[in-house]
């Protein structure tokens, strides 16, 4: 009997060229043009990492947010083309954006 995958925690969309998830794809056709801005905000005594102005569509932002929340092991939300993560996650976010070939600035 052939085993069939019933559920998978991988990204829903796979790149047709490299067969990687949306967060792991390094193909030229997936490289967005634009600059994401990283900042830290204090809200009621808590730290929030905000990635604003992502040069992606809202559906792609939601998929990438899910991957980033897993990588940071924290909660977060998506508001338009911005991602908000609980805590100071700047180092992880910068590495993740570099891996996804998304240009960014802020919090050098």
N, C-alpha and C. Protein backbone atom coordinates (compact mmCIF):
# COMPACT_ATOMS: atom_id res chain seq x y z
N UNK A 1 0.84 -1.17 0.00
CA UNK A 1 0.00 0.00 0.00
C UNK A 1 0.89 1.24 0.00
N UNK A 2 0.53 2.23 -0.78
CA UNK A 2 1.30 3.46 -0.91
C UNK A 2 0.88 4.43 0.19
N UNK A 3 1.89 4.97 0.91
CA UNK A 3 1.60 5.95 1.95
C UNK A 3 1.27 7.29 1.31
N UNK A 4 0.25 7.92 1.82
CA UNK A 4 -0.18 9.19 1.26
C UNK A 4 -0.10 10.25 2.35
N UNK A 5 0.40 11.44 2.02
CA UNK A 5 0.53 12.52 2.98
C UNK A 5 -0.85 13.11 3.24
N UNK A 6 -1.25 13.09 4.50
CA UNK A 6 -2.55 13.63 4.87
C UNK A 6 -2.42 15.09 5.28
N UNK A 7 -1.35 15.43 6.03
CA UNK A 7 -1.13 16.79 6.47
C UNK A 7 0.36 17.05 6.56
N UNK A 8 0.78 18.25 6.21
CA UNK A 8 2.18 18.62 6.28
C UNK A 8 2.30 20.03 6.83
N UNK A 9 3.33 20.28 7.62
CA UNK A 9 3.53 21.62 8.19
C UNK A 9 4.36 22.50 7.27
N UNK A 10 4.74 22.01 6.10
CA UNK A 10 5.50 22.80 5.15
C UNK A 10 4.62 23.90 4.56
N UNK A 11 5.27 24.88 3.92
CA UNK A 11 4.54 25.96 3.28
C UNK A 11 3.57 25.41 2.24
N UNK A 12 2.46 26.09 2.06
CA UNK A 12 1.43 25.64 1.14
C UNK A 12 1.90 25.72 -0.31
N UNK A 13 2.60 26.80 -0.67
CA UNK A 13 3.02 26.98 -2.05
C UNK A 13 4.47 26.54 -2.23
N UNK A 14 4.74 25.82 -3.29
CA UNK A 14 6.11 25.43 -3.62
C UNK A 14 6.51 26.15 -4.90
N UNK A 15 7.78 26.54 -4.95
CA UNK A 15 8.31 27.18 -6.15
C UNK A 15 8.34 26.14 -7.28
N UNK A 16 7.83 26.48 -8.46
CA UNK A 16 7.82 25.51 -9.55
C UNK A 16 9.22 25.17 -10.08
N UNK A 17 10.22 26.03 -9.84
CA UNK A 17 11.56 25.80 -10.35
C UNK A 17 12.40 24.95 -9.40
N UNK A 18 12.51 25.39 -8.13
CA UNK A 18 13.41 24.70 -7.20
C UNK A 18 12.68 23.78 -6.23
N UNK A 19 11.36 23.77 -6.27
CA UNK A 19 10.53 22.90 -5.41
C UNK A 19 10.73 23.17 -3.92
N UNK A 20 11.09 24.41 -3.55
CA UNK A 20 11.24 24.81 -2.15
C UNK A 20 10.00 25.58 -1.72
N UNK A 21 9.81 25.69 -0.39
CA UNK A 21 8.71 26.48 0.15
C UNK A 21 8.94 27.96 -0.10
N UNK A 22 7.90 28.76 0.13
CA UNK A 22 7.99 30.20 -0.13
C UNK A 22 9.08 30.86 0.68
N UNK A 23 9.33 30.42 1.91
CA UNK A 23 10.35 31.02 2.74
C UNK A 23 11.76 30.57 2.41
N UNK A 24 11.92 29.50 1.65
CA UNK A 24 13.24 28.93 1.36
C UNK A 24 13.66 29.11 -0.10
N UNK A 25 12.80 29.64 -0.95
CA UNK A 25 13.08 29.77 -2.38
C UNK A 25 14.13 30.84 -2.64
N UNK A 26 15.10 30.53 -3.51
CA UNK A 26 16.14 31.48 -3.87
C UNK A 26 16.15 31.74 -5.37
N UNK A 27 15.08 31.49 -6.06
CA UNK A 27 15.02 31.70 -7.51
C UNK A 27 14.90 33.18 -7.84
N UNK A 28 15.38 33.56 -9.00
CA UNK A 28 15.33 34.95 -9.41
C UNK A 28 13.91 35.45 -9.62
N UNK A 29 13.01 34.59 -10.05
CA UNK A 29 11.65 35.04 -10.29
C UNK A 29 10.89 35.32 -9.00
N UNK A 30 11.39 34.85 -7.86
CA UNK A 30 10.75 35.09 -6.57
C UNK A 30 11.37 36.27 -5.82
N UNK A 31 12.47 36.87 -6.33
CA UNK A 31 13.14 37.95 -5.63
C UNK A 31 12.32 39.23 -5.78
N UNK A 32 11.83 39.79 -4.68
CA UNK A 32 11.03 41.01 -4.75
C UNK A 32 11.92 42.24 -4.86
N UNK A 33 11.37 43.30 -5.44
CA UNK A 33 12.11 44.56 -5.49
C UNK A 33 11.44 45.53 -4.55
N UNK A 34 12.23 46.15 -3.71
CA UNK A 34 11.74 47.05 -2.66
C UNK A 34 12.54 46.79 -1.40
N UNK A 35 12.32 47.62 -0.40
CA UNK A 35 13.09 47.51 0.83
C UNK A 35 12.14 47.37 2.02
N UNK A 36 12.34 46.33 2.80
CA UNK A 36 11.57 46.15 4.03
C UNK A 36 12.26 46.92 5.15
N UNK A 37 11.48 47.45 6.07
CA UNK A 37 12.02 48.23 7.18
C UNK A 37 11.79 47.49 8.48
N UNK A 38 12.86 47.32 9.27
CA UNK A 38 12.78 46.62 10.55
C UNK A 38 12.87 47.67 11.66
N UNK A 39 11.96 47.58 12.62
CA UNK A 39 12.03 48.48 13.77
C UNK A 39 11.52 47.76 15.02
N UNK A 40 11.90 48.31 16.17
CA UNK A 40 11.45 47.78 17.45
C UNK A 40 10.57 48.83 18.10
N UNK A 41 9.44 48.39 18.64
CA UNK A 41 8.53 49.29 19.34
C UNK A 41 8.28 48.77 20.74
N UNK A 42 8.01 49.68 21.64
CA UNK A 42 7.61 49.32 23.00
C UNK A 42 6.11 49.57 23.12
N UNK A 43 5.39 48.54 23.52
CA UNK A 43 3.95 48.66 23.70
C UNK A 43 3.58 48.14 25.08
N UNK A 44 3.11 49.04 25.92
CA UNK A 44 2.73 48.70 27.29
C UNK A 44 3.83 47.92 28.01
N UNK A 45 5.08 48.35 27.83
CA UNK A 45 6.20 47.71 28.50
C UNK A 45 6.74 46.47 27.82
N UNK A 46 6.15 46.08 26.71
CA UNK A 46 6.59 44.89 25.99
C UNK A 46 7.27 45.31 24.69
N UNK A 47 8.21 44.49 24.25
CA UNK A 47 8.94 44.77 23.01
C UNK A 47 8.27 44.05 21.85
N UNK A 48 8.14 44.77 20.74
CA UNK A 48 7.55 44.20 19.52
C UNK A 48 8.48 44.50 18.35
N UNK A 49 8.82 43.50 17.56
CA UNK A 49 9.62 43.68 16.35
C UNK A 49 8.66 43.81 15.17
N UNK A 50 8.81 44.90 14.42
CA UNK A 50 7.92 45.18 13.29
C UNK A 50 8.73 45.16 12.00
N UNK A 51 8.26 44.39 11.03
CA UNK A 51 8.85 44.37 9.68
C UNK A 51 7.82 45.04 8.79
N UNK A 52 8.09 46.28 8.38
CA UNK A 52 7.11 47.06 7.63
C UNK A 52 7.49 47.16 6.16
N UNK A 53 6.49 47.46 5.33
CA UNK A 53 6.68 47.71 3.90
C UNK A 53 7.32 46.54 3.17
N UNK A 54 6.90 45.33 3.47
CA UNK A 54 7.42 44.18 2.73
C UNK A 54 6.95 44.27 1.28
N UNK A 55 7.86 44.11 0.33
CA UNK A 55 7.50 44.24 -1.08
C UNK A 55 6.86 42.96 -1.65
N UNK A 56 5.83 42.48 -0.98
CA UNK A 56 5.17 41.24 -1.38
C UNK A 56 3.66 41.42 -1.35
N UNK A 57 2.95 40.48 -1.96
CA UNK A 57 1.50 40.48 -1.86
C UNK A 57 1.08 39.98 -0.49
N UNK A 58 -0.13 40.31 -0.09
CA UNK A 58 -0.61 39.96 1.25
C UNK A 58 -0.61 38.45 1.47
N UNK A 59 -0.96 37.67 0.47
CA UNK A 59 -0.97 36.21 0.62
C UNK A 59 0.44 35.68 0.87
N UNK A 60 1.44 36.25 0.19
CA UNK A 60 2.83 35.84 0.41
C UNK A 60 3.33 36.27 1.78
N UNK A 61 2.90 37.45 2.23
CA UNK A 61 3.30 37.94 3.56
C UNK A 61 2.78 36.99 4.63
N UNK A 62 1.56 36.51 4.48
CA UNK A 62 0.98 35.58 5.46
C UNK A 62 1.75 34.26 5.51
N UNK A 63 2.13 33.75 4.35
CA UNK A 63 2.91 32.51 4.32
C UNK A 63 4.29 32.70 4.96
N UNK A 64 4.94 33.80 4.64
CA UNK A 64 6.25 34.06 5.19
C UNK A 64 6.18 34.36 6.69
N UNK A 65 5.10 35.00 7.14
CA UNK A 65 4.93 35.25 8.56
C UNK A 65 4.83 33.94 9.33
N UNK A 66 4.12 33.00 8.77
CA UNK A 66 3.98 31.70 9.44
C UNK A 66 5.34 31.01 9.58
N UNK A 67 6.15 31.06 8.54
CA UNK A 67 7.49 30.47 8.61
C UNK A 67 8.37 31.20 9.62
N UNK A 68 8.28 32.53 9.65
CA UNK A 68 9.09 33.32 10.56
C UNK A 68 8.67 33.11 12.01
N UNK A 69 7.39 32.97 12.27
CA UNK A 69 6.91 32.71 13.63
C UNK A 69 7.43 31.37 14.13
N UNK A 70 7.48 30.38 13.26
CA UNK A 70 8.04 29.08 13.65
C UNK A 70 9.52 29.19 13.95
N UNK A 71 10.24 29.93 13.11
CA UNK A 71 11.68 30.07 13.29
C UNK A 71 12.01 30.81 14.57
N UNK A 72 11.22 31.84 14.93
CA UNK A 72 11.47 32.62 16.14
C UNK A 72 10.84 31.98 17.38
N UNK A 73 9.96 31.03 17.20
CA UNK A 73 9.23 30.39 18.30
C UNK A 73 8.52 31.43 19.14
N UNK A 74 7.76 32.30 18.48
CA UNK A 74 7.05 33.37 19.17
C UNK A 74 5.73 33.64 18.46
N UNK A 75 4.90 34.44 19.07
CA UNK A 75 3.64 34.83 18.47
C UNK A 75 3.82 36.04 17.59
N UNK A 76 2.83 36.31 16.79
CA UNK A 76 2.90 37.47 15.91
C UNK A 76 1.63 37.60 15.10
N UNK A 77 1.57 38.67 14.32
CA UNK A 77 0.41 38.92 13.49
C UNK A 77 0.84 39.59 12.19
N UNK A 78 -0.07 39.60 11.25
CA UNK A 78 0.16 40.21 9.95
C UNK A 78 -0.88 41.31 9.77
N UNK A 79 -0.42 42.52 9.49
CA UNK A 79 -1.31 43.65 9.24
C UNK A 79 -0.94 44.26 7.90
N UNK A 80 -1.70 43.96 6.88
CA UNK A 80 -1.38 44.45 5.54
C UNK A 80 -0.10 43.81 5.03
N UNK A 81 0.88 44.65 4.70
CA UNK A 81 2.18 44.13 4.24
C UNK A 81 3.23 44.24 5.34
N UNK A 82 2.78 44.25 6.59
CA UNK A 82 3.69 44.31 7.74
C UNK A 82 3.52 43.07 8.60
N UNK A 83 4.61 42.69 9.27
CA UNK A 83 4.59 41.57 10.21
C UNK A 83 5.01 42.09 11.56
N UNK A 84 4.27 41.73 12.62
CA UNK A 84 4.62 42.11 13.98
C UNK A 84 4.89 40.84 14.76
N UNK A 85 6.05 40.80 15.43
CA UNK A 85 6.46 39.65 16.23
C UNK A 85 6.66 40.07 17.67
N UNK A 86 6.30 39.20 18.59
CA UNK A 86 6.49 39.49 20.01
C UNK A 86 7.96 39.34 20.37
N UNK A 87 8.49 40.31 21.11
CA UNK A 87 9.86 40.24 21.58
C UNK A 87 10.85 40.87 20.63
N UNK A 88 12.11 40.91 21.06
CA UNK A 88 13.20 41.46 20.25
C UNK A 88 13.76 40.34 19.37
N UNK A 89 13.32 40.28 18.13
CA UNK A 89 13.68 39.21 17.20
C UNK A 89 14.49 39.73 16.02
N UNK A 90 15.18 40.86 16.20
CA UNK A 90 15.85 41.53 15.08
C UNK A 90 16.89 40.65 14.41
N UNK A 91 17.73 39.97 15.19
CA UNK A 91 18.80 39.15 14.60
C UNK A 91 18.24 38.02 13.74
N UNK A 92 17.22 37.35 14.24
CA UNK A 92 16.61 36.25 13.49
C UNK A 92 15.93 36.78 12.24
N UNK A 93 15.26 37.93 12.35
CA UNK A 93 14.54 38.52 11.21
C UNK A 93 15.53 38.92 10.12
N UNK A 94 16.66 39.54 10.50
CA UNK A 94 17.65 39.95 9.51
C UNK A 94 18.22 38.75 8.76
N UNK A 95 18.55 37.67 9.48
CA UNK A 95 19.05 36.46 8.82
C UNK A 95 18.00 35.86 7.90
N UNK A 96 16.76 35.87 8.34
CA UNK A 96 15.68 35.31 7.55
C UNK A 96 15.45 36.12 6.28
N UNK A 97 15.46 37.47 6.39
CA UNK A 97 15.28 38.30 5.20
C UNK A 97 16.44 38.14 4.22
N UNK A 98 17.67 38.00 4.73
CA UNK A 98 18.82 37.75 3.86
C UNK A 98 18.65 36.42 3.13
N UNK A 99 18.18 35.40 3.83
CA UNK A 99 17.96 34.09 3.21
C UNK A 99 16.89 34.10 2.15
N UNK A 100 15.90 34.98 2.30
CA UNK A 100 14.81 35.09 1.32
C UNK A 100 15.13 36.10 0.22
N UNK A 101 16.31 36.70 0.25
CA UNK A 101 16.75 37.69 -0.74
C UNK A 101 15.84 38.92 -0.76
N UNK A 102 15.39 39.35 0.41
CA UNK A 102 14.58 40.55 0.53
C UNK A 102 15.46 41.64 1.13
N UNK A 103 15.60 42.75 0.40
CA UNK A 103 16.42 43.86 0.89
C UNK A 103 15.75 44.47 2.11
N UNK A 104 16.58 44.87 3.09
CA UNK A 104 16.02 45.44 4.31
C UNK A 104 16.96 46.50 4.85
N UNK A 105 16.40 47.32 5.74
CA UNK A 105 17.23 48.31 6.43
C UNK A 105 16.64 48.56 7.80
N UNK A 106 17.46 49.08 8.66
CA UNK A 106 17.04 49.35 10.03
C UNK A 106 17.71 48.40 10.98
N UNK A 107 18.03 48.87 12.15
CA UNK A 107 18.65 48.09 13.23
C UNK A 107 19.90 47.35 12.77
N UNK A 108 20.88 48.13 12.30
CA UNK A 108 22.14 47.55 11.86
C UNK A 108 22.80 46.93 13.00
